[in-house]
Protein backbone atom coordinates (compact mmCIF):
# COMPACT_ATOMS: atom_id res chain seq x y z
CA MET A 1 -29.32 170.13 65.08
CA ARG A 2 -30.54 171.35 68.46
CA ALA A 3 -32.20 168.90 70.84
CA PRO A 4 -35.78 169.41 72.12
CA ILE A 5 -34.45 170.37 75.55
CA VAL A 6 -35.93 173.18 77.61
CA LEU A 7 -33.13 174.39 79.88
CA ALA A 8 -34.49 175.41 83.28
CA VAL A 9 -32.52 178.53 84.21
CA ASP A 10 -33.28 178.60 87.93
CA THR A 11 -30.88 181.12 89.44
CA PRO A 12 -31.18 184.56 91.06
CA ASP A 13 -27.86 185.59 89.47
CA LEU A 14 -28.26 187.25 86.06
CA ALA A 15 -24.58 186.88 85.16
CA VAL A 16 -24.74 183.15 85.91
CA ALA A 17 -27.95 182.83 83.89
CA LYS A 18 -26.22 184.39 80.91
CA GLU A 19 -23.26 182.03 81.30
CA TRP A 20 -25.59 179.00 81.41
CA VAL A 21 -27.37 180.19 78.28
CA LYS A 22 -24.07 180.84 76.51
CA ALA A 23 -22.70 177.42 77.49
CA THR A 24 -25.69 175.60 75.98
CA ASP A 25 -26.40 177.86 73.02
CA GLY A 26 -26.86 175.93 69.80
CA ILE A 27 -27.49 172.68 71.70
CA ILE A 28 -30.90 173.26 73.27
CA GLU A 29 -34.09 174.65 71.72
CA VAL A 30 -35.68 176.58 74.57
CA VAL A 31 -34.59 178.55 77.66
CA LYS A 32 -37.06 178.46 80.57
CA LEU A 33 -37.14 181.44 82.90
CA GLY A 34 -39.19 180.82 86.01
CA LEU A 35 -40.88 182.81 88.73
CA GLU A 36 -37.74 183.41 90.82
CA PHE A 37 -35.88 184.78 87.81
CA TYR A 38 -38.78 186.96 86.72
CA LEU A 39 -39.46 188.42 90.17
CA THR A 40 -35.77 189.22 90.53
CA PHE A 41 -35.06 190.72 87.11
CA GLY A 42 -38.43 191.47 85.52
CA ASN A 43 -39.00 192.17 81.85
CA GLU A 44 -35.53 193.64 81.38
CA GLY A 45 -33.85 190.46 82.60
CA VAL A 46 -35.92 188.37 80.21
CA ARG A 47 -34.98 190.69 77.35
CA GLN A 48 -31.29 190.38 78.18
CA ILE A 49 -31.48 186.59 78.10
CA ALA A 50 -33.48 186.61 74.87
CA GLU A 51 -30.90 188.86 73.22
CA SER A 52 -28.05 186.53 74.20
CA THR A 53 -29.38 183.26 72.79
CA GLN A 54 -30.61 181.61 69.61
CA SER A 55 -33.08 179.62 71.69
CA ASP A 56 -36.76 180.41 72.20
CA ILE A 57 -37.94 181.76 75.55
CA PHE A 58 -40.30 179.86 77.83
CA LEU A 59 -41.69 182.21 80.48
CA ASP A 60 -42.77 179.90 83.28
CA LEU A 61 -44.92 182.11 85.49
CA LYS A 62 -47.77 179.63 86.07
CA LEU A 63 -50.41 182.36 86.18
CA HIS A 64 -53.48 181.46 88.24
CA ASP A 65 -56.06 184.09 89.14
CA ILE A 66 -59.38 185.46 87.96
CA PRO A 67 -59.57 185.96 84.17
CA HIS A 68 -59.32 189.76 84.35
CA THR A 69 -56.13 189.62 86.42
CA VAL A 70 -54.54 186.94 84.24
CA SER A 71 -55.37 188.97 81.15
CA GLY A 72 -53.60 192.00 82.63
CA ALA A 73 -50.60 189.92 83.68
CA ALA A 74 -50.32 188.42 80.20
CA ARG A 75 -50.47 191.85 78.60
CA ALA A 76 -47.70 193.00 80.95
CA VAL A 77 -45.30 190.45 79.44
CA ALA A 78 -46.64 190.37 75.88
CA SER A 79 -43.90 192.68 74.59
CA LEU A 80 -41.32 190.03 75.52
CA GLN A 81 -42.82 187.74 72.88
CA PRO A 82 -41.99 184.45 74.62
CA LYS A 83 -42.66 181.30 72.66
CA PHE A 84 -44.41 179.80 75.71
CA LEU A 85 -46.14 181.26 78.77
CA THR A 86 -47.53 178.96 81.45
CA VAL A 87 -50.87 179.22 83.19
CA HIS A 88 -52.44 176.74 85.60
CA ALA A 89 -55.15 174.83 83.75
CA SER A 90 -56.97 174.48 87.07
CA GLY A 91 -57.84 178.17 86.75
CA GLY A 92 -60.53 177.13 84.28
CA THR A 93 -61.30 177.61 80.62
CA ALA A 94 -62.20 181.31 80.92
CA MET A 95 -58.93 182.08 82.67
CA VAL A 96 -56.90 180.25 80.02
CA ARG A 97 -58.87 182.06 77.31
CA ALA A 98 -58.06 185.40 78.92
CA ALA A 99 -54.35 184.63 78.53
CA THR A 100 -54.65 183.39 74.96
CA ASP A 101 -56.64 186.45 73.94
CA ALA A 102 -54.05 188.76 75.53
CA MET A 103 -51.09 186.99 73.87
CA PRO A 104 -52.24 185.57 70.52
CA ASN A 105 -48.67 185.19 69.23
CA THR A 106 -47.51 183.13 72.22
CA SER A 107 -48.30 179.48 72.88
CA ILE A 108 -50.17 179.70 76.14
CA THR A 109 -49.21 176.56 77.99
CA GLY A 110 -51.56 174.80 80.40
CA VAL A 111 -49.92 173.27 83.46
CA THR A 112 -51.75 170.14 84.62
CA ILE A 113 -50.45 168.31 87.73
CA LEU A 114 -47.12 169.45 89.12
CA THR A 115 -44.48 166.74 88.82
CA SER A 116 -43.45 167.30 92.43
CA LEU A 117 -46.79 165.87 93.59
CA SER A 118 -47.22 162.22 94.52
CA GLU A 119 -50.52 160.38 94.20
CA THR A 120 -51.05 160.96 97.92
CA ASP A 121 -50.49 164.69 97.43
CA VAL A 122 -52.99 164.75 94.56
CA ALA A 123 -55.61 163.12 96.75
CA ASP A 124 -54.85 165.36 99.73
CA ILE A 125 -55.28 168.49 97.59
CA GLY A 126 -58.77 167.29 96.72
CA PHE A 127 -58.61 166.02 93.15
CA LYS A 128 -61.32 163.40 92.78
CA SER A 129 -59.22 161.28 90.40
CA HIS A 130 -55.62 160.10 90.47
CA ALA A 131 -52.88 162.09 88.74
CA LEU A 132 -53.34 160.55 85.30
CA ASP A 133 -57.07 161.23 84.94
CA SER A 134 -56.71 164.63 86.62
CA ALA A 135 -53.97 165.64 84.18
CA VAL A 136 -56.06 164.55 81.21
CA GLY A 137 -59.05 166.53 82.47
CA LEU A 138 -56.93 169.63 83.01
CA ALA A 139 -55.43 169.27 79.53
CA ARG A 140 -58.95 169.30 78.08
CA ILE A 141 -59.74 172.49 80.01
CA ALA A 142 -56.57 174.19 78.76
CA ILE A 143 -57.18 173.27 75.12
CA ALA A 144 -60.78 174.44 75.36
CA GLY A 145 -59.38 177.80 76.46
CA GLY A 146 -57.12 178.04 73.44
CA ALA A 147 -53.86 176.75 74.92
CA ARG A 148 -51.43 175.49 72.31
CA ALA A 149 -49.16 173.58 74.68
CA ILE A 150 -49.54 171.39 77.75
CA VAL A 151 -47.20 170.63 80.64
CA CYS A 152 -47.60 167.17 82.15
CA SER A 153 -45.42 164.57 83.81
CA PRO A 154 -43.80 161.84 81.72
CA LEU A 155 -46.27 159.28 83.01
CA GLU A 156 -49.23 161.20 81.56
CA ILE A 157 -47.81 161.95 78.09
CA ARG A 158 -49.53 159.17 76.15
CA ALA A 159 -52.94 159.77 77.70
CA VAL A 160 -52.71 163.53 77.23
CA ARG A 161 -51.58 163.11 73.62
CA GLU A 162 -54.67 161.03 72.87
CA VAL A 163 -56.84 163.89 74.12
CA VAL A 164 -55.05 166.93 72.65
CA GLY A 165 -54.03 165.54 69.25
CA ALA A 166 -50.87 166.00 67.23
CA GLN A 167 -50.91 169.79 66.85
CA ILE A 168 -50.51 170.60 70.54
CA SER A 169 -47.01 170.71 72.05
CA ILE A 170 -46.43 168.58 75.13
CA ILE A 171 -43.68 169.85 77.44
CA THR A 172 -42.47 167.43 80.06
CA PRO A 173 -40.62 168.27 83.26
CA GLY A 174 -39.79 165.53 85.71
CA VAL A 175 -37.39 163.75 83.38
CA ARG A 176 -34.31 162.27 84.96
CA PRO A 177 -31.27 161.25 82.90
CA SER A 178 -30.42 157.57 83.10
CA ASP A 179 -27.20 158.31 84.98
CA SER A 180 -28.86 160.51 87.62
CA VAL A 181 -28.75 159.42 91.25
CA GLY A 182 -31.77 161.32 92.55
CA GLY A 183 -31.63 164.30 94.88
CA ASP A 184 -34.37 166.41 93.28
CA ASP A 185 -38.06 166.98 94.05
CA GLN A 186 -39.60 165.20 91.08
CA MET A 187 -41.89 162.29 91.91
CA ARG A 188 -43.15 160.93 88.56
CA THR A 189 -40.26 160.52 86.14
CA LEU A 190 -38.87 158.90 82.98
CA THR A 191 -35.60 159.44 81.15
CA PRO A 192 -35.56 162.22 78.53
CA ARG A 193 -35.41 159.70 75.67
CA GLN A 194 -38.32 157.72 77.09
CA ALA A 195 -40.37 160.92 77.40
CA ILE A 196 -39.74 161.86 73.76
CA ASP A 197 -40.56 158.32 72.66
CA ALA A 198 -43.83 158.54 74.60
CA GLY A 199 -44.85 161.60 72.59
CA ALA A 200 -43.43 164.69 74.30
CA ASN A 201 -42.25 167.51 72.06
CA TYR A 202 -39.87 168.95 74.66
CA VAL A 203 -38.27 167.81 77.90
CA VAL A 204 -37.36 170.23 80.68
CA ILE A 205 -33.92 169.66 82.13
CA GLY A 206 -32.36 171.85 84.78
CA ARG A 207 -30.03 170.65 87.50
CA PRO A 208 -28.65 167.64 85.60
CA ILE A 209 -27.09 170.22 83.26
CA THR A 210 -26.72 173.38 85.34
CA SER A 211 -25.15 171.66 88.35
CA THR A 212 -22.10 170.87 86.22
CA TYR A 213 -21.37 174.61 85.88
CA ILE A 214 -19.40 174.34 89.12
CA LYS A 215 -16.75 172.61 87.01
CA GLY A 216 -16.84 175.38 84.41
CA ALA A 217 -18.77 176.38 81.31
CA GLY A 218 -16.95 173.76 79.24
CA ALA A 219 -18.13 170.95 81.50
CA MET A 220 -21.67 172.26 81.34
CA ARG A 221 -21.57 172.37 77.56
CA GLU A 222 -20.23 168.81 77.42
CA ARG A 223 -23.04 167.62 79.68
CA ALA A 224 -25.64 169.36 77.51
CA ILE A 225 -24.17 167.75 74.40
CA GLN A 226 -24.21 164.33 76.08
CA LEU A 227 -27.90 164.60 76.98
CA ALA A 228 -28.77 166.05 73.58
CA GLU A 229 -27.12 163.09 71.84
CA GLU A 230 -29.00 160.63 74.06
CA ILE A 231 -32.27 162.23 72.96
CA LEU A 232 -31.46 162.61 69.27
CA HIS A 233 -29.90 159.18 68.66
């Protein structure tokens, strides 16, 4: 049984990306390909990863523009058939709707407040409410636009779940394994197990797994299995 882990494949090296995917295949549920990967390798790179894994593809582009432009961008990647495609919920309901209309077979995923932002950052940007209320408001906007998944920090899971209901997937970055010692840019965190217990459907994990590749693919697979067991048991 695969764990509800979204592996963040953040590397500009396609061969390394394939090795990471191979090392965790059958353990994780979703592979997340972000903006750096996509700008480096484009649609063909995404296809190569998709062909090499049993896992679903999460295309994390965080689209944010006028509705017409977002619609065109979504159509440009529609043939890849990712399970998830991210858009910034702060782009508004019409923008989110443009993406959902362009990719009806993909779960358009509304990003609320980035987990790298502190409460001070949220205020400095100009949100009138703190991160929790802002995330809930953005989740409402995304769902109104037809989004079928939401990205929020672990600390906002319960409040967002109350607003979006049981049918919407909640994807949570900013989780930190209990044995982590810091060193990343996430500000609002829980452990993966705590995030799932709070109501998340998936947790995004990157460096706590991928950093072990320096010791070899076997070490990376062992680390993925360890974290998967912590979540599942």
